[in-house]
Amino acid sequence: MNILVIGSGGREHAIIWKLKQSKNIKKIFCIPGNSGISQIARCEKIDILDFKKISDFVIEHKIDLTIVGPELPLSEGIVDYFNDRKLKIFGPDKKSAQLEASKIFAKQFMKKYNIPTANFEVFDNYKEARKHLTSHISHLTSVVVKADGLCAGKGVFICNTKEEAKQIIKKVMVDKIFGGSGNRIVIEEKLAGEEVSLLAFCDGKSILPLIPSQDHKQIFDNDKGPNTGGMGAYAPAKTCPELVSGSIFENFLTGIKKEKLNYKGIIYAGIMLTAEGPKVLEFNVRFGDPETQALLPLMKNDLLDLFLATVDGELKKYKIIWVDGYCVSVVLASGGYPGKYETGKEIFRLKKIKDAVVFHAGTKFENGKYFTNGGRVLNVSAIDTTLDKAIAKVYGNVEKIKFENMHYRRDIGKRNADERG
């Protein structure tokens, strides 16, 4: 089979790396790809929102399945476009993708279908939002403010004071730091507990969960500093009986059936394990980044089989088999990220990596050398039999890589390793 993967980050590199292990694939293409992906697949520089050009490419190269990595093409309706042209594609349609593209749509869906989540209110007026902070939730000191639309993972603000929340609301709704994505906002209670990411394949009729993983969103150690797209992850993460029972996904499945959503892809639930039980923080409609880079190295299955079963509505036939161990993935970022950062820094000593996998996110390859070309530059992922050993192995490899102003967190998975003794 010929396969196309859409995207250009570490997530897509990990997906293609895993697909390369399949005996049933002839060629893998990637649009637009990156310098790391280009070493194992043919990359084509096409705009990921140019659906006509992408679908023409699919027909020309006799591609049997297209897999969509990032959320933007999904929210803009690439699945609907491909379905109209009778082309096989992995991912939810445009209406379903609102579960990520609109925080308000997602929260209202959760409320309607009894999916536990934080109490919330929705606002499209700046003055009303400020008034709500003062008069209606005076008993709360900490709240969460969310821009409604897509903000590249940076539209959620945990505010520890009312004044901080008021400043954020002004930046989002008045100063328009996210443009139209901030025309409406969600204000919700801040939940306390430990956060986990639970991903699952969904074919519209059944759900096939992956093992829980944990992302580390803040830029600095000990969860300090601004949110990023994710600075590292590990799997399997801490879980609880209620999460394993699958009630959240059961209610999700009921909801998409009743709403007649054409959902054939990955559903990602960001979950807080609170004292009252698990509550959903957010839905994403695609593989997480960097969770994917910690999950796929542990998967024993042929990933292609799971993609095809999802699109063909045959997930019930499959069970995912996992390596008995842990995987830790650490992001190496450009200094200054998630704010302003410089690119074009040469990356050294990649060939020194052993017993680990390097996934490229923001790199370019010129004259036989790799250079930084983004905020998140590389992921280093390593597996071992215990979490402590996997952490030691991954950081042993991370320390071999060098580029100017390289930044990474030094505590990925460590808090949980300490808790496990």
Protein backbone atom coordinates (compact mmCIF):
# COMPACT_ATOMS: atom_id res chain seq x y z
CA MET A 1 0.00 0.00 0.00
CA ASN A 2 0.97 3.64 -0.50
CA ILE A 3 0.40 5.92 2.50
CA LEU A 4 0.33 9.71 2.91
CA VAL A 5 0.82 11.42 6.28
CA ILE A 6 -0.06 15.12 6.56
CA GLY A 7 1.98 17.23 8.98
CA SER A 8 5.49 18.41 9.76
CA GLY A 9 6.22 17.79 13.44
CA GLY A 10 7.65 15.24 15.81
CA ARG A 11 4.24 13.57 16.00
CA GLU A 12 4.21 12.91 12.25
CA HIS A 13 7.83 11.70 12.35
CA ALA A 14 6.83 9.18 15.05
CA ILE A 15 3.79 8.02 13.07
CA ILE A 16 5.89 7.48 9.94
CA TRP A 17 8.68 5.80 11.93
CA LYS A 18 6.11 3.34 13.27
CA LEU A 19 4.46 2.81 9.87
CA LYS A 20 7.88 2.01 8.36
CA GLN A 21 7.84 -1.17 10.47
CA SER A 22 4.78 -2.48 8.59
CA LYS A 23 5.37 -5.17 5.97
CA ASN A 24 2.26 -4.08 4.07
CA ILE A 25 3.44 -0.64 3.02
CA LYS A 26 5.18 0.01 -0.28
CA LYS A 27 5.75 3.80 -0.13
CA ILE A 28 5.20 6.51 2.47
CA PHE A 29 4.71 10.15 1.49
CA CYS A 30 4.49 13.18 3.78
CA ILE A 31 3.06 16.67 3.17
CA PRO A 32 4.97 18.83 3.92
CA GLY A 33 7.23 16.79 6.24
CA ASN A 34 10.51 17.92 7.76
CA SER A 35 14.22 17.16 7.50
CA GLY A 36 14.01 14.12 9.75
CA ILE A 37 10.96 12.69 8.01
CA SER A 38 12.65 13.15 4.62
CA GLN A 39 15.18 10.47 5.62
CA ILE A 40 12.45 7.80 5.78
CA ALA A 41 9.66 9.10 3.51
CA ARG A 42 9.19 11.22 0.40
CA CYS A 43 8.24 14.77 1.40
CA GLU A 44 6.25 17.13 -0.80
CA LYS A 45 5.96 20.87 -0.14
CA ILE A 46 2.22 21.43 -0.48
CA ASP A 47 0.11 23.72 1.72
CA ILE A 48 -1.75 21.49 4.21
CA LEU A 49 -4.93 23.54 3.59
CA ASP A 50 -4.80 23.18 -0.20
CA PHE A 51 -7.16 20.21 -0.26
CA LYS A 52 -7.47 20.10 -4.05
CA LYS A 53 -3.74 19.94 -4.61
CA ILE A 54 -3.35 17.30 -1.86
CA SER A 55 -6.17 15.14 -3.22
CA ASP A 56 -4.77 15.45 -6.76
CA PHE A 57 -1.42 14.27 -5.38
CA VAL A 58 -3.16 11.32 -3.71
CA ILE A 59 -4.80 10.27 -6.98
CA GLU A 60 -1.63 10.78 -9.03
CA HIS A 61 0.49 8.65 -6.69
CA LYS A 62 -2.15 5.97 -6.11
CA ILE A 63 -2.19 6.56 -2.36
CA ASP A 64 -4.43 4.09 -0.52
CA LEU A 65 -4.78 5.92 2.80
CA THR A 66 -4.18 9.48 4.02
CA ILE A 67 -3.50 10.08 7.73
CA VAL A 68 -3.98 13.61 9.09
CA GLY A 69 -1.62 14.63 11.90
CA PRO A 70 -2.45 18.24 12.93
CA GLU A 71 -5.82 19.69 13.93
CA LEU A 72 -5.99 22.59 11.46
CA PRO A 73 -6.77 20.61 8.26
CA LEU A 74 -9.33 18.58 10.22
CA SER A 75 -11.07 21.70 11.50
CA GLU A 76 -11.10 23.13 7.97
CA GLY A 77 -12.79 20.03 6.55
CA ILE A 78 -10.15 17.95 4.77
CA VAL A 79 -11.99 14.72 5.65
CA ASP A 80 -15.24 16.01 4.14
CA TYR A 81 -13.35 17.02 0.98
CA PHE A 82 -11.69 13.61 0.66
CA ASN A 83 -14.95 11.78 1.32
CA ASP A 84 -16.60 13.76 -1.48
CA ARG A 85 -13.84 12.54 -3.80
CA LYS A 86 -14.14 8.95 -2.52
CA LEU A 87 -10.61 8.98 -1.11
CA LYS A 88 -9.81 7.02 2.07
CA ILE A 89 -8.69 9.23 4.96
CA PHE A 90 -8.08 8.80 8.70
CA GLY A 91 -9.57 11.56 10.85
CA PRO A 92 -12.89 13.05 11.98
CA ASP A 93 -14.94 15.31 9.71
CA LYS A 94 -15.28 19.09 10.10
CA LYS A 95 -18.32 18.98 12.39
CA SER A 96 -16.64 16.45 14.68
CA ALA A 97 -13.42 18.47 14.71
CA GLN A 98 -15.28 21.26 16.55
CA LEU A 99 -14.59 19.19 19.67
CA GLU A 100 -11.09 20.68 19.45
CA ALA A 101 -11.63 23.74 17.26
CA SER A 102 -14.20 25.19 19.67
CA LYS A 103 -13.74 24.97 23.44
CA ILE A 104 -17.37 26.04 23.79
CA PHE A 105 -18.68 23.28 21.51
CA ALA A 106 -16.61 20.74 23.47
CA LYS A 107 -17.79 21.93 26.90
CA GLN A 108 -21.43 21.96 25.84
CA PHE A 109 -21.03 18.45 24.36
CA MET A 110 -19.55 17.23 27.67
CA LYS A 111 -22.39 18.77 29.66
CA LYS A 112 -25.08 17.33 27.34
CA TYR A 113 -23.70 13.79 27.47
CA ASN A 114 -22.78 13.61 31.16
CA ILE A 115 -19.02 13.66 30.65
CA PRO A 116 -17.56 15.00 33.92
CA THR A 117 -15.82 18.34 33.51
CA ALA A 118 -15.20 21.60 35.37
CA ASN A 119 -18.12 24.00 35.93
CA PHE A 120 -18.00 26.72 33.28
CA GLU A 121 -19.59 29.80 31.75
CA VAL A 122 -19.35 31.13 28.18
CA PHE A 123 -18.89 34.80 27.22
CA ASP A 124 -18.81 36.80 23.99
CA ASN A 125 -18.74 40.18 25.75
CA TYR A 126 -15.67 41.53 27.54
CA LYS A 127 -17.58 43.57 30.13
CA GLU A 128 -19.86 40.67 31.01
CA ALA A 129 -16.84 38.38 31.46
CA ARG A 130 -15.19 40.88 33.84
CA LYS A 131 -18.43 41.31 35.75
CA HIS A 132 -18.76 37.54 36.13
CA LEU A 133 -15.31 37.35 37.74
CA THR A 134 -16.25 39.95 40.32
CA SER A 135 -19.85 39.11 41.15
CA HIS A 136 -20.51 35.45 40.39
CA ILE A 137 -17.36 33.57 41.37
CA SER A 138 -16.06 35.67 44.23
CA HIS A 139 -15.57 32.47 46.26
CA LEU A 140 -12.92 31.22 43.82
CA THR A 141 -9.36 32.53 43.84
CA SER A 142 -8.14 30.49 40.85
CA VAL A 143 -9.92 30.15 37.51
CA VAL A 144 -9.09 28.95 34.02
CA VAL A 145 -9.66 31.17 30.99
CA LYS A 146 -9.86 29.53 27.56
CA ALA A 147 -10.02 31.17 24.15
CA ASP A 148 -12.73 29.41 22.16
CA GLY A 149 -10.81 28.74 18.92
CA LEU A 150 -7.55 27.08 17.91
CA CYS A 151 -4.46 28.77 19.42
CA ALA A 152 -1.67 26.21 18.76
CA GLY A 153 -1.94 24.90 22.32
CA LYS A 154 -1.43 28.34 23.89
CA GLY A 155 -5.02 29.48 24.42
CA VAL A 156 -5.54 28.15 27.96
CA PHE A 157 -4.58 30.29 30.96
CA ILE A 158 -4.50 29.15 34.58
CA CYS A 159 -5.08 32.32 36.60
CA ASN A 160 -4.25 32.27 40.30
CA THR A 161 -5.82 35.65 41.07
CA LYS A 162 -8.85 37.59 39.84
CA GLU A 163 -6.62 40.41 38.62
CA GLU A 164 -4.56 37.99 36.55
CA ALA A 165 -7.78 36.62 35.04
CA LYS A 166 -9.00 40.12 34.17
CA GLN A 167 -5.70 40.89 32.42
CA ILE A 168 -5.90 37.68 30.40
CA ILE A 169 -9.51 38.33 29.39
CA LYS A 170 -8.49 41.78 28.12
CA LYS A 171 -5.56 40.34 26.13
CA VAL A 172 -7.76 37.69 24.52
CA MET A 173 -11.02 39.60 23.93
CA VAL A 174 -9.87 43.21 23.51
CA ASP A 175 -6.22 43.08 22.41
CA LYS A 176 -7.01 40.04 20.21
CA ILE A 177 -3.73 38.20 20.82
CA PHE A 178 -5.34 35.17 19.15
CA GLY A 179 -7.38 37.09 16.57
CA GLY A 180 -10.87 35.73 16.00
CA SER A 181 -10.13 32.64 18.11
CA GLY A 182 -10.63 34.86 21.16
CA ASN A 183 -13.99 36.39 20.21
CA ARG A 184 -15.60 34.05 22.72
CA ILE A 185 -14.11 32.60 25.89
CA VAL A 186 -14.79 29.98 28.52
CA ILE A 187 -14.26 30.77 32.20
CA GLU A 188 -14.19 27.66 34.37
CA GLU A 189 -13.18 26.50 37.82
CA LYS A 190 -9.61 25.32 38.24
CA LEU A 191 -9.46 21.61 38.96
CA ALA A 192 -6.90 20.11 41.33
CA GLY A 193 -5.21 16.76 40.84
CA GLU A 194 -2.90 14.99 38.44
CA GLU A 195 -3.34 15.35 34.70
CA VAL A 196 -3.20 12.46 32.25
CA SER A 197 -3.77 12.13 28.51
CA LEU A 198 -5.98 9.31 27.31
CA LEU A 199 -6.07 8.67 23.57
CA ALA A 200 -8.25 6.17 21.72
CA PHE A 201 -9.03 5.03 18.22
CA CYS A 202 -12.70 5.62 17.34
CA ASP A 203 -14.49 4.23 14.28
CA GLY A 204 -17.85 5.77 15.15
CA LYS A 205 -19.15 2.51 16.57
CA SER A 206 -16.51 1.46 19.09
CA ILE A 207 -13.54 2.79 21.03
CA LEU A 208 -10.07 1.24 21.35
CA PRO A 209 -8.09 3.10 24.06
CA LEU A 210 -4.32 3.46 24.20
CA ILE A 211 -2.45 3.33 27.52
CA PRO A 212 -2.57 6.59 29.52
CA SER A 213 0.30 9.04 29.05
CA GLN A 214 1.28 12.30 30.69
CA ASP A 215 2.31 15.51 28.95
CA HIS A 216 4.37 18.26 30.62
CA LYS A 217 3.00 21.52 29.23
CA GLN A 218 4.88 24.28 31.06
CA ILE A 219 8.23 25.43 29.71
CA PHE A 220 10.21 25.08 32.97
CA ASP A 221 10.81 22.34 35.54
CA ASN A 222 8.23 21.79 38.28
CA ASP A 223 5.46 23.01 35.95
CA LYS A 224 6.60 26.63 36.03
CA GLY A 225 6.28 29.26 33.31
CA PRO A 226 3.93 29.65 30.35
CA ASN A 227 2.19 26.80 28.55
CA THR A 228 3.81 25.33 25.44
CA GLY A 229 2.77 22.76 22.87
CA GLY A 230 4.33 20.22 25.27
CA MET A 231 7.87 19.75 26.61
CA GLY A 232 7.86 16.00 27.06
CA ALA A 233 5.74 12.98 27.95
CA TYR A 234 5.93 9.48 29.33
CA ALA A 235 3.80 6.34 29.18
CA PRO A 236 2.15 4.48 30.76
CA ALA A 237 1.06 7.15 33.23
CA LYS A 238 -0.75 6.97 36.54
CA THR A 239 -4.36 5.92 36.16
CA CYS A 240 -7.43 5.09 38.24
CA PRO A 241 -10.22 2.47 38.14
CA GLU A 242 -12.82 4.94 36.85
CA LEU A 243 -10.55 5.87 33.95
CA VAL A 244 -9.84 2.27 33.05
CA SER A 245 -13.56 1.45 33.10
CA GLY A 246 -14.00 3.67 30.06
CA SER A 247 -17.13 5.55 31.21
CA ILE A 248 -15.82 8.82 29.73
CA PHE A 249 -15.36 7.25 26.32
CA GLU A 250 -18.64 5.35 26.58
CA ASN A 251 -20.48 8.64 27.07
CA PHE A 252 -18.41 10.21 24.29
CA LEU A 253 -19.43 7.40 21.93
CA THR A 254 -23.09 7.85 22.87
CA GLY A 255 -22.75 11.55 22.13
CA ILE A 256 -21.21 11.24 18.69
CA LYS A 257 -23.85 8.66 17.69
CA LYS A 258 -26.73 10.89 18.82
CA GLU A 259 -25.18 13.96 17.19
CA LYS A 260 -24.58 11.91 14.00
CA LEU A 261 -20.90 12.87 13.93
CA ASN A 262 -18.72 11.10 11.36
CA TYR A 263 -15.87 10.30 13.70
CA LYS A 264 -13.17 7.96 12.36
CA GLY A 265 -9.87 8.87 13.93
CA ILE A 266 -8.20 9.53 17.26
CA ILE A 267 -10.02 11.07 20.19
CA TYR A 268 -7.75 12.56 22.85
CA ALA A 269 -9.12 13.38 26.29
CA GLY A 270 -7.03 15.56 28.59
CA ILE A 271 -8.14 14.37 32.04
CA MET A 272 -7.63 15.62 35.59
CA LEU A 273 -7.68 12.92 38.26
CA THR A 274 -9.51 14.87 40.97
CA ALA A 275 -10.59 13.78 44.45
CA GLU A 276 -14.11 13.48 42.98
CA GLY A 277 -12.95 11.24 40.14
CA PRO A 278 -11.63 11.89 36.61
CA LYS A 279 -12.85 15.04 34.85
CA VAL A 280 -12.20 16.03 31.23
CA LEU A 281 -10.21 19.22 30.71
CA GLU A 282 -10.35 19.19 26.92
CA PHE A 283 -10.83 17.08 23.82
CA ASN A 284 -8.39 16.96 20.91
CA VAL A 285 -9.31 15.25 17.66
CA ARG A 286 -5.86 13.91 16.72
CA PHE A 287 -2.75 12.32 18.18
CA GLY A 288 -1.14 14.37 20.94
CA ASP A 289 2.28 15.90 20.50
CA PRO A 290 4.47 14.88 22.38
CA GLU A 291 2.36 11.99 23.75
CA THR A 292 2.59 10.16 20.42
CA GLN A 293 6.38 10.10 20.68
CA ALA A 294 6.06 8.26 24.03
CA LEU A 295 3.20 5.94 23.03
CA LEU A 296 4.11 4.55 19.62
CA PRO A 297 7.53 3.15 20.63
CA LEU A 298 5.68 0.96 23.15
CA MET A 299 3.11 -0.36 20.66
CA LYS A 300 3.67 -3.87 19.31
CA ASN A 301 0.84 -3.82 16.75
CA ASP A 302 1.19 -2.92 13.10
CA LEU A 303 -0.06 0.68 13.24
CA LEU A 304 -1.38 0.43 9.67
CA ASP A 305 -3.83 -2.29 10.76
CA LEU A 306 -5.29 0.05 13.38
CA PHE A 307 -5.61 2.95 10.94
CA LEU A 308 -7.39 0.77 8.39
CA ALA A 309 -9.66 -0.82 11.00
CA THR A 310 -10.70 2.65 12.18
CA VAL A 311 -11.57 3.90 8.70
CA ASP A 312 -13.32 0.63 7.78
CA GLY A 313 -15.33 0.44 11.02
CA GLU A 314 -13.69 -2.78 12.23
CA LEU A 315 -11.98 -1.75 15.48
CA LYS A 316 -13.86 -4.39 17.47
CA LYS A 317 -11.62 -7.03 15.88
CA TYR A 318 -8.47 -5.57 17.40
CA LYS A 319 -6.65 -5.38 20.72
CA ILE A 320 -3.55 -3.25 21.25
CA ILE A 321 -0.50 -5.09 22.60
CA TRP A 322 2.12 -3.10 24.50
CA VAL A 323 5.77 -3.52 25.42
CA ASP A 324 6.12 -4.32 29.14
CA GLY A 325 7.98 -1.19 30.16
CA TYR A 326 8.02 2.61 30.02
CA CYS A 327 8.85 5.20 27.38
CA VAL A 328 9.99 8.73 28.19
CA SER A 329 10.17 11.44 25.50
CA VAL A 330 11.94 14.77 26.08
CA VAL A 331 11.53 17.84 23.86
CA LEU A 332 14.61 19.90 22.97
CA ALA A 333 13.50 23.46 22.26
CA SER A 334 15.03 26.68 20.96
CA GLY A 335 15.94 29.19 23.67
CA GLY A 336 13.11 31.69 24.08
CA TYR A 337 10.33 29.29 23.12
CA PRO A 338 7.30 29.62 23.50
CA GLY A 339 8.06 33.31 22.94
CA LYS A 340 10.48 34.70 20.37
CA TYR A 341 13.36 32.42 19.44
CA GLU A 342 16.17 32.22 16.89
CA THR A 343 16.56 29.50 14.26
CA GLY A 344 19.44 28.36 12.09
CA LYS A 345 21.56 26.98 14.94
CA GLU A 346 23.62 23.94 13.95
CA ILE A 347 22.68 20.73 15.77
CA PHE A 348 25.62 18.61 16.88
CA ARG A 349 26.22 14.97 17.88
CA LEU A 350 22.95 13.40 16.68
CA LYS A 351 24.96 10.35 15.59
CA LYS A 352 26.02 9.81 19.22
CA ILE A 353 22.50 8.70 20.19
CA LYS A 354 22.21 5.03 21.20
CA ASP A 355 19.31 3.03 22.66
CA ALA A 356 16.96 5.93 21.92
CA VAL A 357 15.02 7.37 18.98
CA VAL A 358 15.22 10.98 17.82
CA PHE A 359 12.09 12.46 16.23
CA HIS A 360 12.52 15.73 14.35
CA ALA A 361 10.02 18.56 14.86
CA GLY A 362 11.65 21.84 13.78
CA THR A 363 14.83 21.11 11.82
CA LYS A 364 16.27 21.72 8.38
CA PHE A 365 19.03 19.80 6.59
CA GLU A 366 21.58 21.69 4.52
CA ASN A 367 24.99 20.63 3.19
CA GLY A 368 25.03 17.47 5.27
CA LYS A 369 24.19 19.27 8.54
CA TYR A 370 21.03 19.71 10.65
CA PHE A 371 19.95 23.16 11.88
CA THR A 372 17.17 24.35 14.17
CA ASN A 373 14.07 25.56 12.34
CA GLY A 374 11.34 25.90 14.96
CA GLY A 375 10.44 26.33 18.61
CA ARG A 376 10.28 22.65 19.44
CA VAL A 377 13.26 21.17 17.59
CA LEU A 378 13.67 17.49 18.53
CA ASN A 379 12.16 14.73 20.65
CA VAL A 380 14.37 12.08 22.23
CA SER A 381 12.45 8.93 23.24
CA ALA A 382 13.80 5.94 25.18
CA ILE A 383 12.29 2.70 26.54
CA ASP A 384 13.28 0.63 29.57
CA THR A 385 11.74 -1.83 32.02
CA THR A 386 11.10 0.74 34.78
CA LEU A 387 10.27 4.43 34.69
CA ASP A 388 13.49 5.29 36.56
CA LYS A 389 15.59 3.42 34.02
CA ALA A 390 13.76 4.98 31.06
CA ILE A 391 14.32 8.45 32.53
CA ALA A 392 18.03 7.77 33.05
CA LYS A 393 18.37 6.40 29.53
CA VAL A 394 16.60 9.27 27.80
CA TYR A 395 18.51 11.99 29.67
CA GLY A 396 21.78 10.18 29.05
CA ASN A 397 21.06 10.61 25.35
CA VAL A 398 19.63 14.13 25.58
CA GLU A 399 22.88 15.34 27.11
CA LYS A 400 24.80 14.19 24.04
CA ILE A 401 22.96 16.58 21.72
CA LYS A 402 24.08 20.20 21.50
CA PHE A 403 22.90 23.38 19.81
CA GLU A 404 23.15 27.03 20.82
CA ASN A 405 20.57 28.08 23.45
CA MET A 406 19.11 24.57 23.63
CA HIS A 407 16.47 24.28 26.34
CA TYR A 408 14.77 21.23 27.81
CA ARG A 409 13.01 20.24 31.01
CA ARG A 410 15.01 18.00 33.30
CA ASP A 411 12.07 16.51 35.19
CA ILE A 412 9.98 14.65 32.61
CA GLY A 413 8.37 11.74 34.46
CA LYS A 414 10.49 12.25 37.58
CA ARG A 415 7.74 13.26 39.97
CA ASN A 416 5.84 10.10 39.15
CA ALA A 417 8.95 7.96 39.37
CA ASP A 418 9.50 9.33 42.88
CA GLU A 419 5.89 8.55 43.84
CA ARG A 420 6.26 4.97 42.64
CA GLY A 421 9.32 4.60 44.83
